[in-house]
Amino acid sequence: MMPFKLGGAGSRLSVLCLGAHSDDIEIGAGGTLLSLIAEGIELDVLWCVMSGSAARKTEAEDAAQDFLAGARTPRVEVMSFKDGSFPAQYEGVKAWFEELKTRVQPDLILTHRRDDRHQDHREVSQHTWSTFRNHTILEYEIPKWDGDIGQPNTYVPLRAEILNRKIELLMKHFGTQRSKAWFDYEVFRGLARLRGMECVAPERYAEAFVARKLALAVAS
């Protein structure tokens, strides 16, 4: 399979990361972001977490700082929408997205999967697509007890050291989640191994996304 590159060393890429909760972005796309930085791509990142208690806000900020170490311009924002009830806050979420698009025009958007069973995740994905209509959007996946892991069609192979770093940071920063059955070292590694098998990743691991619309340019 011929890979399509997001950029090379020294190139610049603007990325908008959207997560309903602290740890969503890290679980779904943390390895991809670590890989882009490791490849020498200059990342301008706006990292938006849309809910969080005081403890979760601290986790989000500290984790983003580590995941984005080496990025050209890392910016982190944590909002205060009520966890678990994003659909009931539709107007407020919609207004926030409308304001967001006035100050960022990213090359790449990382957001939740449209078919995710968690209502907050679906709401974020819906607003992402209705707000950013002419952007490259990749939907990441979150393993959890709902059993809703889907069939991705886009893969980012990960070096083993990158995957190890991703899991290390997840375990380091998200103490509030360690009691959850799905927040587990073997879950994260197992899913990455499965996705790596599906895309024949050189070092056996990968993160996977759903790309619903892509425009491929033919260089002249």
N, C-alpha and C. Protein backbone atom coordinates (compact mmCIF):
# COMPACT_ATOMS: atom_id res chain seq x y z
N MET A 1 0.84 -1.19 0.00
CA MET A 1 0.00 0.00 0.00
C MET A 1 0.88 1.24 0.00
N MET A 2 0.64 2.17 -0.94
CA MET A 2 1.44 3.38 -1.02
C MET A 2 0.92 4.41 -0.03
N PRO A 3 1.78 4.87 0.90
CA PRO A 3 1.31 5.87 1.88
C PRO A 3 1.27 7.27 1.29
N PHE A 4 0.33 8.08 1.75
CA PHE A 4 0.25 9.49 1.41
C PHE A 4 0.74 10.27 2.62
N LYS A 5 1.80 11.06 2.43
CA LYS A 5 2.43 11.73 3.55
C LYS A 5 1.76 13.05 3.89
N LEU A 6 1.68 13.33 5.20
CA LEU A 6 1.14 14.61 5.66
C LEU A 6 2.17 15.73 5.56
N GLY A 7 3.41 15.38 5.42
CA GLY A 7 4.47 16.38 5.32
C GLY A 7 5.80 15.74 5.65
N GLY A 8 6.86 16.47 5.41
CA GLY A 8 8.19 15.97 5.70
C GLY A 8 8.91 16.88 6.67
N ALA A 9 10.13 16.50 7.02
CA ALA A 9 10.93 17.29 7.96
C ALA A 9 11.05 18.72 7.47
N GLY A 10 10.75 19.66 8.36
CA GLY A 10 10.84 21.08 8.02
C GLY A 10 9.58 21.67 7.46
N SER A 11 8.62 20.83 7.06
CA SER A 11 7.35 21.37 6.57
C SER A 11 6.49 21.81 7.75
N ARG A 12 5.49 22.61 7.48
CA ARG A 12 4.66 23.17 8.54
C ARG A 12 3.22 22.70 8.37
N LEU A 13 2.59 22.33 9.48
CA LEU A 13 1.24 21.79 9.45
C LEU A 13 0.43 22.35 10.60
N SER A 14 -0.75 22.85 10.30
CA SER A 14 -1.65 23.37 11.32
C SER A 14 -2.68 22.29 11.67
N VAL A 15 -2.79 21.96 12.96
CA VAL A 15 -3.65 20.87 13.39
C VAL A 15 -4.60 21.35 14.48
N LEU A 16 -5.88 21.05 14.31
CA LEU A 16 -6.89 21.31 15.34
C LEU A 16 -7.28 19.97 15.95
N CYS A 17 -7.08 19.82 17.24
CA CYS A 17 -7.43 18.60 17.97
C CYS A 17 -8.65 18.88 18.83
N LEU A 18 -9.69 18.07 18.68
CA LEU A 18 -10.93 18.26 19.41
C LEU A 18 -11.25 17.02 20.24
N GLY A 19 -11.49 17.21 21.53
CA GLY A 19 -11.86 16.11 22.40
C GLY A 19 -12.96 16.51 23.35
N ALA A 20 -13.92 15.65 23.55
CA ALA A 20 -15.01 15.94 24.48
C ALA A 20 -14.49 15.96 25.92
N HIS A 21 -13.53 15.08 26.21
CA HIS A 21 -13.05 14.92 27.58
C HIS A 21 -11.53 14.87 27.62
N SER A 22 -10.99 15.17 28.77
CA SER A 22 -9.58 14.95 29.03
C SER A 22 -9.27 13.48 28.76
N ASP A 23 -8.26 13.22 28.00
CA ASP A 23 -7.70 11.92 27.57
C ASP A 23 -8.20 11.44 26.22
N ASP A 24 -9.27 12.03 25.66
CA ASP A 24 -9.79 11.56 24.37
C ASP A 24 -8.76 11.74 23.25
N ILE A 25 -8.21 12.92 23.12
CA ILE A 25 -7.26 13.20 22.05
C ILE A 25 -6.03 12.31 22.20
N GLU A 26 -5.56 12.18 23.43
CA GLU A 26 -4.36 11.39 23.68
C GLU A 26 -4.57 9.92 23.30
N ILE A 27 -5.73 9.36 23.67
CA ILE A 27 -6.02 7.97 23.35
C ILE A 27 -6.19 7.79 21.85
N GLY A 28 -6.96 8.68 21.23
CA GLY A 28 -7.31 8.50 19.83
C GLY A 28 -6.22 8.86 18.84
N ALA A 29 -5.44 9.91 19.15
CA ALA A 29 -4.49 10.42 18.16
C ALA A 29 -3.14 10.79 18.76
N GLY A 30 -2.88 10.42 20.00
CA GLY A 30 -1.64 10.80 20.64
C GLY A 30 -0.40 10.29 19.92
N GLY A 31 -0.46 9.07 19.43
CA GLY A 31 0.68 8.51 18.71
C GLY A 31 0.94 9.21 17.39
N THR A 32 -0.12 9.61 16.72
CA THR A 32 0.02 10.34 15.46
C THR A 32 0.70 11.68 15.68
N LEU A 33 0.29 12.40 16.72
CA LEU A 33 0.91 13.69 17.01
C LEU A 33 2.37 13.53 17.43
N LEU A 34 2.65 12.55 18.26
CA LEU A 34 4.04 12.28 18.64
C LEU A 34 4.88 11.94 17.42
N SER A 35 4.30 11.20 16.48
CA SER A 35 5.03 10.81 15.27
C SER A 35 5.32 12.00 14.37
N LEU A 36 4.34 12.88 14.20
CA LEU A 36 4.54 14.06 13.37
C LEU A 36 5.67 14.93 13.92
N ILE A 37 5.67 15.11 15.23
CA ILE A 37 6.72 15.91 15.86
C ILE A 37 8.08 15.23 15.72
N ALA A 38 8.10 13.90 15.92
CA ALA A 38 9.36 13.16 15.81
C ALA A 38 9.94 13.20 14.41
N GLU A 39 9.08 13.34 13.39
CA GLU A 39 9.52 13.40 12.01
C GLU A 39 10.04 14.78 11.62
N GLY A 40 9.99 15.72 12.53
CA GLY A 40 10.51 17.05 12.25
C GLY A 40 9.54 17.99 11.57
N ILE A 41 8.25 17.62 11.55
CA ILE A 41 7.23 18.50 10.98
C ILE A 41 6.93 19.60 12.00
N GLU A 42 6.89 20.83 11.55
CA GLU A 42 6.62 21.96 12.45
C GLU A 42 5.11 22.08 12.65
N LEU A 43 4.66 21.71 13.84
CA LEU A 43 3.22 21.67 14.11
C LEU A 43 2.76 22.93 14.84
N ASP A 44 1.70 23.54 14.29
CA ASP A 44 0.95 24.58 14.99
C ASP A 44 -0.33 23.91 15.46
N VAL A 45 -0.46 23.69 16.75
CA VAL A 45 -1.55 22.88 17.28
C VAL A 45 -2.45 23.69 18.20
N LEU A 46 -3.76 23.61 17.93
CA LEU A 46 -4.76 24.08 18.88
C LEU A 46 -5.45 22.85 19.43
N TRP A 47 -5.30 22.62 20.72
CA TRP A 47 -5.75 21.39 21.41
C TRP A 47 -6.91 21.78 22.30
N CYS A 48 -8.12 21.36 21.94
CA CYS A 48 -9.33 21.81 22.64
C CYS A 48 -10.01 20.64 23.35
N VAL A 49 -10.13 20.75 24.66
CA VAL A 49 -10.86 19.77 25.48
C VAL A 49 -12.12 20.48 25.97
N MET A 50 -13.28 19.89 25.76
CA MET A 50 -14.52 20.64 25.92
C MET A 50 -15.19 20.50 27.27
N SER A 51 -14.67 19.64 28.14
CA SER A 51 -15.26 19.53 29.48
C SER A 51 -14.16 19.11 30.45
N GLY A 52 -14.43 19.30 31.73
CA GLY A 52 -13.47 18.83 32.72
C GLY A 52 -13.63 19.51 34.07
N SER A 53 -13.64 18.69 35.12
CA SER A 53 -13.57 19.21 36.49
C SER A 53 -12.19 19.81 36.69
N ALA A 54 -11.96 20.37 37.86
CA ALA A 54 -10.65 20.96 38.14
C ALA A 54 -9.54 19.93 37.98
N ALA A 55 -9.76 18.72 38.50
CA ALA A 55 -8.75 17.68 38.40
C ALA A 55 -8.53 17.25 36.95
N ARG A 56 -9.63 17.10 36.22
CA ARG A 56 -9.53 16.68 34.81
C ARG A 56 -8.90 17.77 33.96
N LYS A 57 -9.16 19.03 34.29
CA LYS A 57 -8.56 20.14 33.57
C LYS A 57 -7.04 20.12 33.73
N THR A 58 -6.59 19.87 34.95
CA THR A 58 -5.16 19.78 35.21
C THR A 58 -4.54 18.63 34.44
N GLU A 59 -5.22 17.48 34.43
CA GLU A 59 -4.74 16.33 33.66
C GLU A 59 -4.61 16.68 32.19
N ALA A 60 -5.63 17.32 31.64
CA ALA A 60 -5.63 17.67 30.22
C ALA A 60 -4.47 18.60 29.88
N GLU A 61 -4.26 19.61 30.69
CA GLU A 61 -3.20 20.58 30.41
C GLU A 61 -1.82 19.96 30.53
N ASP A 62 -1.63 19.15 31.57
CA ASP A 62 -0.32 18.53 31.77
C ASP A 62 -0.01 17.50 30.69
N ALA A 63 -1.03 16.71 30.32
CA ALA A 63 -0.81 15.70 29.29
C ALA A 63 -0.54 16.34 27.94
N ALA A 64 -1.29 17.37 27.59
CA ALA A 64 -1.08 18.05 26.31
C ALA A 64 0.32 18.64 26.24
N GLN A 65 0.80 19.16 27.35
CA GLN A 65 2.15 19.73 27.37
C GLN A 65 3.18 18.68 27.00
N ASP A 66 3.02 17.46 27.52
CA ASP A 66 3.97 16.39 27.21
C ASP A 66 3.80 15.87 25.78
N PHE A 67 2.55 15.67 25.36
CA PHE A 67 2.31 15.16 24.01
C PHE A 67 2.76 16.15 22.94
N LEU A 68 2.70 17.44 23.24
CA LEU A 68 3.05 18.46 22.26
C LEU A 68 4.45 19.02 22.45
N ALA A 69 5.24 18.41 23.30
CA ALA A 69 6.63 18.86 23.47
C ALA A 69 7.34 18.78 22.13
N GLY A 70 7.88 19.88 21.69
CA GLY A 70 8.55 19.92 20.40
C GLY A 70 7.71 20.49 19.29
N ALA A 71 6.42 20.73 19.55
CA ALA A 71 5.57 21.38 18.55
C ALA A 71 5.99 22.84 18.39
N ARG A 72 5.75 23.41 17.22
CA ARG A 72 6.16 24.79 16.95
C ARG A 72 5.36 25.76 17.81
N THR A 73 4.04 25.64 17.78
CA THR A 73 3.17 26.49 18.61
C THR A 73 2.07 25.64 19.22
N PRO A 74 2.25 25.13 20.41
CA PRO A 74 1.19 24.37 21.08
C PRO A 74 0.28 25.30 21.89
N ARG A 75 -1.02 25.20 21.64
CA ARG A 75 -2.00 25.96 22.41
C ARG A 75 -3.05 25.00 22.95
N VAL A 76 -3.37 25.13 24.22
CA VAL A 76 -4.32 24.22 24.87
C VAL A 76 -5.46 25.03 25.48
N GLU A 77 -6.69 24.61 25.19
CA GLU A 77 -7.86 25.25 25.76
C GLU A 77 -8.77 24.18 26.37
N VAL A 78 -9.24 24.41 27.58
CA VAL A 78 -10.17 23.49 28.24
C VAL A 78 -11.45 24.26 28.57
N MET A 79 -12.55 23.82 28.00
CA MET A 79 -13.85 24.46 28.22
C MET A 79 -14.59 23.82 29.40
N SER A 80 -15.76 24.34 29.68
CA SER A 80 -16.49 23.89 30.87
C SER A 80 -17.89 23.37 30.56
N PHE A 81 -18.08 22.77 29.38
CA PHE A 81 -19.36 22.13 29.10
C PHE A 81 -19.55 20.94 30.03
N LYS A 82 -20.80 20.65 30.38
CA LYS A 82 -21.09 19.60 31.35
C LYS A 82 -20.87 18.23 30.75
N ASP A 83 -20.01 17.45 31.37
CA ASP A 83 -19.70 16.10 30.93
C ASP A 83 -20.96 15.24 30.93
N GLY A 84 -21.16 14.50 29.85
CA GLY A 84 -22.27 13.56 29.77
C GLY A 84 -23.55 14.12 29.19
N SER A 85 -23.61 15.42 28.94
CA SER A 85 -24.87 16.00 28.45
C SER A 85 -24.65 17.03 27.35
N PHE A 86 -23.71 16.77 26.46
CA PHE A 86 -23.46 17.71 25.36
C PHE A 86 -24.69 17.93 24.47
N PRO A 87 -25.48 16.87 24.16
CA PRO A 87 -26.65 17.12 23.31
C PRO A 87 -27.62 18.14 23.92
N ALA A 88 -27.75 18.14 25.25
CA ALA A 88 -28.64 19.10 25.90
C ALA A 88 -28.06 20.51 25.90
N GLN A 89 -26.79 20.62 25.59
CA GLN A 89 -26.12 21.93 25.53
C GLN A 89 -25.85 22.34 24.09
N TYR A 90 -26.68 21.88 23.19
CA TYR A 90 -26.46 22.05 21.75
C TYR A 90 -26.17 23.51 21.37
N GLU A 91 -26.98 24.42 21.85
CA GLU A 91 -26.81 25.82 21.44
C GLU A 91 -25.48 26.38 21.89
N GLY A 92 -25.08 26.05 23.12
CA GLY A 92 -23.80 26.54 23.62
C GLY A 92 -22.62 25.93 22.87
N VAL A 93 -22.71 24.64 22.60
CA VAL A 93 -21.64 23.97 21.85
C VAL A 93 -21.56 24.53 20.44
N LYS A 94 -22.72 24.72 19.81
CA LYS A 94 -22.76 25.27 18.46
C LYS A 94 -22.13 26.66 18.42
N ALA A 95 -22.47 27.49 19.38
CA ALA A 95 -21.91 28.85 19.44
C ALA A 95 -20.40 28.80 19.62
N TRP A 96 -19.92 27.87 20.43
CA TRP A 96 -18.48 27.76 20.64
C TRP A 96 -17.78 27.38 19.34
N PHE A 97 -18.33 26.43 18.61
CA PHE A 97 -17.73 26.03 17.34
C PHE A 97 -17.75 27.18 16.33
N GLU A 98 -18.83 27.93 16.30
CA GLU A 98 -18.91 29.05 15.36
C GLU A 98 -17.84 30.10 15.67
N GLU A 99 -17.59 30.31 16.95
CA GLU A 99 -16.54 31.25 17.33
C GLU A 99 -15.17 30.68 16.99
N LEU A 100 -15.01 29.37 17.17
CA LEU A 100 -13.73 28.73 16.91
C LEU A 100 -13.31 28.90 15.45
N LYS A 101 -14.24 28.76 14.53
CA LYS A 101 -13.87 28.82 13.11
C LYS A 101 -13.45 30.21 12.66
N THR A 102 -13.72 31.23 13.48
CA THR A 102 -13.29 32.58 13.12
C THR A 102 -11.82 32.81 13.44
N ARG A 103 -11.21 31.90 14.20
CA ARG A 103 -9.82 32.14 14.61
C ARG A 103 -8.86 31.00 14.28
N VAL A 104 -9.32 30.00 13.54
CA VAL A 104 -8.42 28.92 13.15
C VAL A 104 -8.84 28.35 11.80
N GLN A 105 -7.87 28.11 10.93
CA GLN A 105 -8.11 27.47 9.64
C GLN A 105 -7.08 26.35 9.49
N PRO A 106 -7.33 25.23 10.13
CA PRO A 106 -6.31 24.17 10.19
C PRO A 106 -6.17 23.39 8.89
N ASP A 107 -4.98 22.84 8.69
CA ASP A 107 -4.76 21.92 7.57
C ASP A 107 -5.40 20.56 7.87
N LEU A 108 -5.41 20.19 9.14
CA LEU A 108 -5.91 18.88 9.55
C LEU A 108 -6.69 19.02 10.84
N ILE A 109 -7.84 18.33 10.91
CA ILE A 109 -8.64 18.31 12.13
C ILE A 109 -8.75 16.87 12.61
N LEU A 110 -8.47 16.65 13.88
CA LEU A 110 -8.63 15.35 14.53
C LEU A 110 -9.80 15.45 15.49
N THR A 111 -10.81 14.61 15.29
CA THR A 111 -12.03 14.71 16.08
C THR A 111 -12.59 13.32 16.36
N HIS A 112 -13.69 13.28 17.08
CA HIS A 112 -14.34 12.02 17.42
C HIS A 112 -15.01 11.37 16.20
N ARG A 113 -15.22 10.07 16.31
CA ARG A 113 -15.88 9.31 15.26
C ARG A 113 -17.39 9.53 15.31
N ARG A 114 -17.97 9.74 14.15
CA ARG A 114 -19.41 10.04 14.05
C ARG A 114 -20.26 8.93 14.65
N ASP A 115 -19.80 7.69 14.57
CA ASP A 115 -20.60 6.55 15.03
C ASP A 115 -20.26 6.11 16.45
N ASP A 116 -19.51 6.90 17.17
CA ASP A 116 -19.17 6.60 18.56
C ASP A 116 -20.45 6.53 19.40
N ARG A 117 -20.54 5.57 20.31
CA ARG A 117 -21.75 5.39 21.11
C ARG A 117 -21.87 6.42 22.23
N HIS A 118 -20.80 7.11 22.57
CA HIS A 118 -20.87 8.12 23.63
C HIS A 118 -21.50 9.39 23.07
N GLN A 119 -22.53 9.88 23.74
CA GLN A 119 -23.29 11.02 23.21
C GLN A 119 -22.44 12.29 23.07
N ASP A 120 -21.53 12.50 24.00
CA ASP A 120 -20.67 13.68 23.91
C ASP A 120 -19.75 13.59 22.70
N HIS A 121 -19.21 12.41 22.45
CA HIS A 121 -18.32 12.21 21.31
C HIS A 121 -19.05 12.47 19.99
N ARG A 122 -20.27 11.92 19.88
CA ARG A 122 -21.04 12.13 18.65
C ARG A 122 -21.35 13.60 18.43
N GLU A 123 -21.67 14.30 19.51
CA GLU A 123 -22.01 15.72 19.39
C GLU A 123 -20.81 16.53 18.87
N VAL A 124 -19.63 16.23 19.39
CA VAL A 124 -18.43 16.93 18.93
C VAL A 124 -18.19 16.64 17.45
N SER A 125 -18.33 15.39 17.05
CA SER A 125 -18.12 15.03 15.64
C SER A 125 -19.12 15.74 14.74
N GLN A 126 -20.37 15.76 15.15
CA GLN A 126 -21.41 16.43 14.36
C GLN A 126 -21.08 17.90 14.15
N HIS A 127 -20.69 18.58 15.20
CA HIS A 127 -20.38 20.01 15.08
C HIS A 127 -19.10 20.24 14.28
N THR A 128 -18.16 19.32 14.39
CA THR A 128 -16.93 19.45 13.60
C THR A 128 -17.27 19.49 12.11
N TRP A 129 -18.08 18.55 11.66
CA TRP A 129 -18.42 18.46 10.25
C TRP A 129 -19.30 19.61 9.78
N SER A 130 -20.22 20.07 10.62
CA SER A 130 -21.10 21.15 10.20
C SER A 130 -20.42 22.51 10.24
N THR A 131 -19.32 22.61 11.00
CA THR A 131 -18.61 23.88 11.13
C THR A 131 -17.47 24.01 10.13
N PHE A 132 -16.70 22.94 9.97
CA PHE A 132 -15.53 22.97 9.10
C PHE A 132 -15.84 22.16 7.84
N ARG A 133 -16.36 22.83 6.83
CA ARG A 133 -16.90 22.15 5.66
C ARG A 133 -15.91 21.98 4.52
N ASN A 134 -14.74 22.58 4.63
CA ASN A 134 -13.77 22.47 3.55
C ASN A 134 -12.38 22.16 4.12
N HIS A 135 -12.36 21.20 5.03
CA HIS A 135 -11.12 20.85 5.73
C HIS A 135 -10.92 19.33 5.70
N THR A 136 -9.68 18.93 5.91
CA THR A 136 -9.36 17.51 6.03
C THR A 136 -9.63 17.08 7.46
N ILE A 137 -10.57 16.15 7.64
CA ILE A 137 -11.00 15.71 8.96
C ILE A 137 -10.75 14.21 9.10
N LEU A 138 -10.06 13.84 10.15
CA LEU A 138 -9.87 12.44 10.50
C LEU A 138 -10.55 12.18 11.84
N GLU A 139 -11.36 11.13 11.89
CA GLU A 139 -12.09 10.77 13.10
C GLU A 139 -11.36 9.64 13.83
N TYR A 140 -10.95 9.89 15.06
CA TYR A 140 -10.21 8.87 15.81
C TYR A 140 -11.16 7.98 16.61
N GLU A 141 -10.62 6.91 17.15
CA GLU A 141 -11.44 5.92 17.88
C GLU A 141 -11.01 5.84 19.34
N ILE A 142 -12.00 5.56 20.19
CA ILE A 142 -11.77 5.42 21.63
C ILE A 142 -12.28 4.04 22.07
N PRO A 143 -11.41 3.15 22.53
CA PRO A 143 -11.89 1.86 23.03
C PRO A 143 -12.59 2.04 24.38
N LYS A 144 -13.71 1.39 24.56
CA LYS A 144 -14.44 1.49 25.82
C LYS A 144 -15.44 0.35 25.91
N TRP A 145 -16.17 0.30 27.02
CA TRP A 145 -17.01 -0.85 27.29
C TRP A 145 -18.20 -0.95 26.33
N ASP A 146 -18.55 0.11 25.62
CA ASP A 146 -19.69 0.09 24.70
C ASP A 146 -19.53 -0.94 23.58
N GLY A 147 -18.29 -1.34 23.29
CA GLY A 147 -18.08 -2.30 22.21
C GLY A 147 -18.38 -1.72 20.85
N ASP A 148 -18.01 -0.44 20.65
CA ASP A 148 -18.39 0.25 19.41
C ASP A 148 -17.21 0.51 18.48
N ILE A 149 -16.10 -0.20 18.68
CA ILE A 149 -14.97 -0.02 17.77
C ILE A 149 -15.43 -0.37 16.35
N GLY A 150 -15.16 0.50 15.40
CA GLY A 150 -15.69 0.34 14.06
C GLY A 150 -14.70 -0.21 13.06
N GLN A 151 -14.91 0.16 11.80
CA GLN A 151 -14.06 -0.29 10.71
C GLN A 151 -13.37 0.93 10.10
N PRO A 152 -12.18 1.28 10.58
CA PRO A 152 -11.48 2.45 10.07
C PRO A 152 -10.97 2.21 8.65
N ASN A 153 -10.66 3.31 7.97
CA ASN A 153 -10.14 3.19 6.62
C ASN A 153 -8.84 3.97 6.39
N THR A 154 -8.30 4.55 7.46
CA THR A 154 -7.07 5.33 7.36
C THR A 154 -6.17 4.99 8.55
N TYR A 155 -4.90 4.77 8.28
CA TYR A 155 -4.00 4.30 9.32
C TYR A 155 -2.73 5.14 9.38
N VAL A 156 -2.21 5.32 10.59
CA VAL A 156 -0.92 5.96 10.79
C VAL A 156 -0.03 4.94 11.52
N PRO A 157 0.89 4.29 10.80
CA PRO A 157 1.81 3.36 11.46
C PRO A 157 2.63 4.07 12.53
N LEU A 158 2.86 3.40 13.64
CA LEU A 158 3.62 3.96 14.75
C LEU A 158 4.89 3.16 14.98
N ARG A 159 5.98 3.85 15.24
CA ARG A 159 7.17 3.15 15.70
C ARG A 159 6.90 2.62 17.11
N ALA A 160 7.52 1.53 17.46
CA ALA A 160 7.29 0.92 18.77
C ALA A 160 7.62 1.90 19.89
N GLU A 161 8.68 2.67 19.71
CA GLU A 161 9.05 3.62 20.76
C GLU A 161 8.00 4.72 20.92
N ILE A 162 7.34 5.10 19.81
CA ILE A 162 6.29 6.10 19.88
C ILE A 162 5.08 5.54 20.64
N LEU A 163 4.69 4.31 20.32
CA LEU A 163 3.57 3.70 21.04
C LEU A 163 3.89 3.59 22.53
N ASN A 164 5.11 3.16 22.85
CA ASN A 164 5.49 3.05 24.26
C ASN A 164 5.39 4.40 24.96
N ARG A 165 5.82 5.45 24.29
CA ARG A 165 5.75 6.79 24.86
C ARG A 165 4.30 7.22 25.06
N LYS A 166 3.45 6.95 24.08
CA LYS A 166 2.03 7.30 24.20
C LYS A 166 1.42 6.64 25.43
N ILE A 167 1.62 5.34 25.59
CA ILE A 167 1.02 4.62 26.71
C ILE A 167 1.62 5.10 28.04
N GLU A 168 2.91 5.35 28.03
CA GLU A 168 3.57 5.86 29.23
C GLU A 168 2.93 7.16 29.69
N LEU A 169 2.67 8.07 28.74
CA LEU A 169 2.07 9.35 29.09
C LEU A 169 0.62 9.20 29.53
N LEU A 170 -0.11 8.29 28.91
CA LEU A 170 -1.49 8.04 29.34
C LEU A 170 -1.52 7.58 30.80
N MET A 171 -0.66 6.64 31.13
CA MET A 171 -0.63 6.12 32.49
C MET A 171 -0.11 7.14 33.48
N LYS A 172 0.77 8.01 33.04
CA LYS A 172 1.34 9.03 33.92
C LYS A 172 0.32 10.09 34.29
N HIS A 173 -0.48 10.52 33.31
CA HIS A 173 -1.26 11.74 33.51
C HIS A 173 -2.71 11.53 33.93
N PHE A 174 -3.29 10.37 33.69
CA PHE A 174 -4.72 10.25 33.89
C PHE A 174 -5.08 9.33 35.05
N GLY A 175 -4.68 9.77 36.23
CA GLY A 175 -4.97 9.00 37.44
C GLY A 175 -6.45 8.84 37.71
N THR A 176 -7.27 9.82 37.30
CA THR A 176 -8.71 9.73 37.54
C THR A 176 -9.36 8.61 36.73
N GLN A 177 -8.66 8.10 35.71
CA GLN A 177 -9.25 7.10 34.83
C GLN A 177 -8.75 5.68 35.07
N ARG A 178 -7.79 5.52 35.96
CA ARG A 178 -7.16 4.20 36.12
C ARG A 178 -8.10 3.13 36.64
N SER A 179 -9.20 3.54 37.25
CA SER A 179 -10.16 2.54 37.75
C SER A 179 -11.09 2.02 36.66
N LYS A 180 -11.08 2.66 35.49
CA LYS A 180 -11.96 2.24 34.40
C LYS A 180 -11.41 0.97 33.75
N ALA A 181 -12.32 0.04 33.46
CA ALA A 181 -11.89 -1.25 32.90
C ALA A 181 -11.20 -1.10 31.55
N TRP A 182 -11.58 -0.08 30.80
CA TRP A 182 -11.01 0.09 29.46
C TRP A 182 -9.72 0.90 29.47
N PHE A 183 -9.40 1.56 30.60
CA PHE A 183 -8.18 2.36 30.66
C PHE A 183 -7.06 1.45 31.16
N ASP A 184 -6.43 0.79 30.20
CA ASP A 184 -5.54 -0.30 30.54
C ASP A 184 -4.41 -0.39 29.52
N TYR A 185 -3.22 -0.62 30.00
CA TYR A 185 -2.03 -0.73 29.15
C TYR A 185 -2.24 -1.72 28.01
N GLU A 186 -2.78 -2.91 28.34
CA GLU A 186 -2.93 -3.94 27.33
C GLU A 186 -4.02 -3.59 26.32
N VAL A 187 -5.06 -2.85 26.74
CA VAL A 187 -6.09 -2.41 25.79
C VAL A 187 -5.48 -1.50 24.74
N PHE A 188 -4.71 -0.51 25.19
CA PHE A 188 -4.11 0.43 24.25
C PHE A 188 -3.11 -0.26 23.33
N ARG A 189 -2.29 -1.11 23.88
CA ARG A 189 -1.31 -1.82 23.05
C ARG A 189 -1.99 -2.80 22.11
N GLY A 190 -3.01 -3.51 22.63
CA GLY A 190 -3.71 -4.49 21.82
C GLY A 190 -4.41 -3.87 20.62
N LEU A 191 -5.06 -2.72 20.84
CA LEU A 191 -5.74 -2.06 19.73
C LEU A 191 -4.72 -1.57 18.69
N ALA A 192 -3.60 -1.02 19.17
CA ALA A 192 -2.57 -0.56 18.24
C ALA A 192 -1.97 -1.73 17.45
N ARG A 193 -1.85 -2.89 18.09
CA ARG A 193 -1.33 -4.06 17.38
C ARG A 193 -2.32 -4.53 16.31
N LEU A 194 -3.61 -4.54 16.64
CA LEU A 194 -4.63 -4.94 15.67
C LEU A 194 -4.62 -4.00 14.47
N ARG A 195 -4.58 -2.69 14.73
CA ARG A 195 -4.57 -1.74 13.62
C ARG A 195 -3.28 -1.82 12.84
N GLY A 196 -2.17 -2.13 13.52
CA GLY A 196 -0.92 -2.32 12.82
C GLY A 196 -0.95 -3.52 11.90
N MET A 197 -1.60 -4.59 12.34
CA MET A 197 -1.75 -5.78 11.50
C MET A 197 -2.57 -5.44 10.25
N GLU A 198 -3.65 -4.64 10.44
CA GLU A 198 -4.54 -4.33 9.32
C GLU A 198 -3.84 -3.52 8.23
N CYS A 199 -2.88 -2.68 8.61
CA CYS A 199 -2.20 -1.84 7.61
C CYS A 199 -0.78 -2.31 7.33
N VAL A 200 -0.41 -3.48 7.86
CA VAL A 200 0.93 -4.04 7.67
C VAL A 200 1.99 -3.02 8.07
N ALA A 201 1.85 -2.47 9.27
CA ALA A 201 2.79 -1.46 9.76
C ALA A 201 4.17 -2.06 9.95
N PRO A 202 5.22 -1.36 9.55
CA PRO A 202 6.58 -1.90 9.65
C PRO A 202 6.97 -2.35 11.05
N GLU A 203 6.54 -1.61 12.07
CA GLU A 203 6.87 -2.00 13.45
C GLU A 203 5.66 -2.54 14.20
N ARG A 204 4.62 -2.95 13.43
CA ARG A 204 3.48 -3.74 13.92
C ARG A 204 2.39 -2.94 14.62
N TYR A 205 2.55 -1.64 14.81
CA TYR A 205 1.55 -0.86 15.54
C TYR A 205 1.05 0.30 14.69
N ALA A 206 -0.18 0.74 14.98
CA ALA A 206 -0.74 1.88 14.25
C ALA A 206 -1.91 2.46 15.02
N GLU A 207 -2.23 3.72 14.72
CA GLU A 207 -3.51 4.32 15.09
C GLU A 207 -4.39 4.35 13.85
N ALA A 208 -5.69 4.27 14.06
CA ALA A 208 -6.61 4.20 12.92
C ALA A 208 -7.67 5.29 13.02
N PHE A 209 -8.13 5.71 11.85
CA PHE A 209 -9.09 6.81 11.75
C PHE A 209 -10.12 6.49 10.67
N VAL A 210 -11.21 7.24 10.72
CA VAL A 210 -12.17 7.23 9.61
C VAL A 210 -12.00 8.53 8.85
N ALA A 211 -11.73 8.42 7.56
CA ALA A 211 -11.64 9.58 6.67
C ALA A 211 -12.85 9.50 5.73
N ARG A 212 -13.84 10.34 5.97
CA ARG A 212 -15.08 10.26 5.19
C ARG A 212 -14.96 10.97 3.85
N LYS A 213 -14.11 12.00 3.78
CA LYS A 213 -13.92 12.74 2.55
C LYS A 213 -12.46 13.17 2.44
N LEU A 214 -11.83 12.88 1.31
CA LEU A 214 -10.46 13.29 1.08
C LEU A 214 -10.33 13.85 -0.33
N ALA A 215 -9.55 14.90 -0.49
CA ALA A 215 -9.22 15.42 -1.81
C ALA A 215 -7.73 15.19 -2.03
N LEU A 216 -7.38 14.46 -3.08
CA LEU A 216 -6.00 14.13 -3.36
C LEU A 216 -5.51 14.99 -4.54
N ALA A 217 -4.46 15.76 -4.31
CA ALA A 217 -3.91 16.61 -5.35
C ALA A 217 -2.86 15.86 -6.15
N VAL A 218 -2.88 16.04 -7.47
CA VAL A 218 -1.87 15.47 -8.34
C VAL A 218 -0.85 16.53 -8.64
N ALA A 219 0.38 16.33 -8.20
CA ALA A 219 1.41 17.35 -8.38
C ALA A 219 1.76 17.50 -9.85
N SER A 220 2.00 18.73 -10.29
CA SER A 220 2.37 18.98 -11.69
C SER A 220 3.87 18.90 -11.87
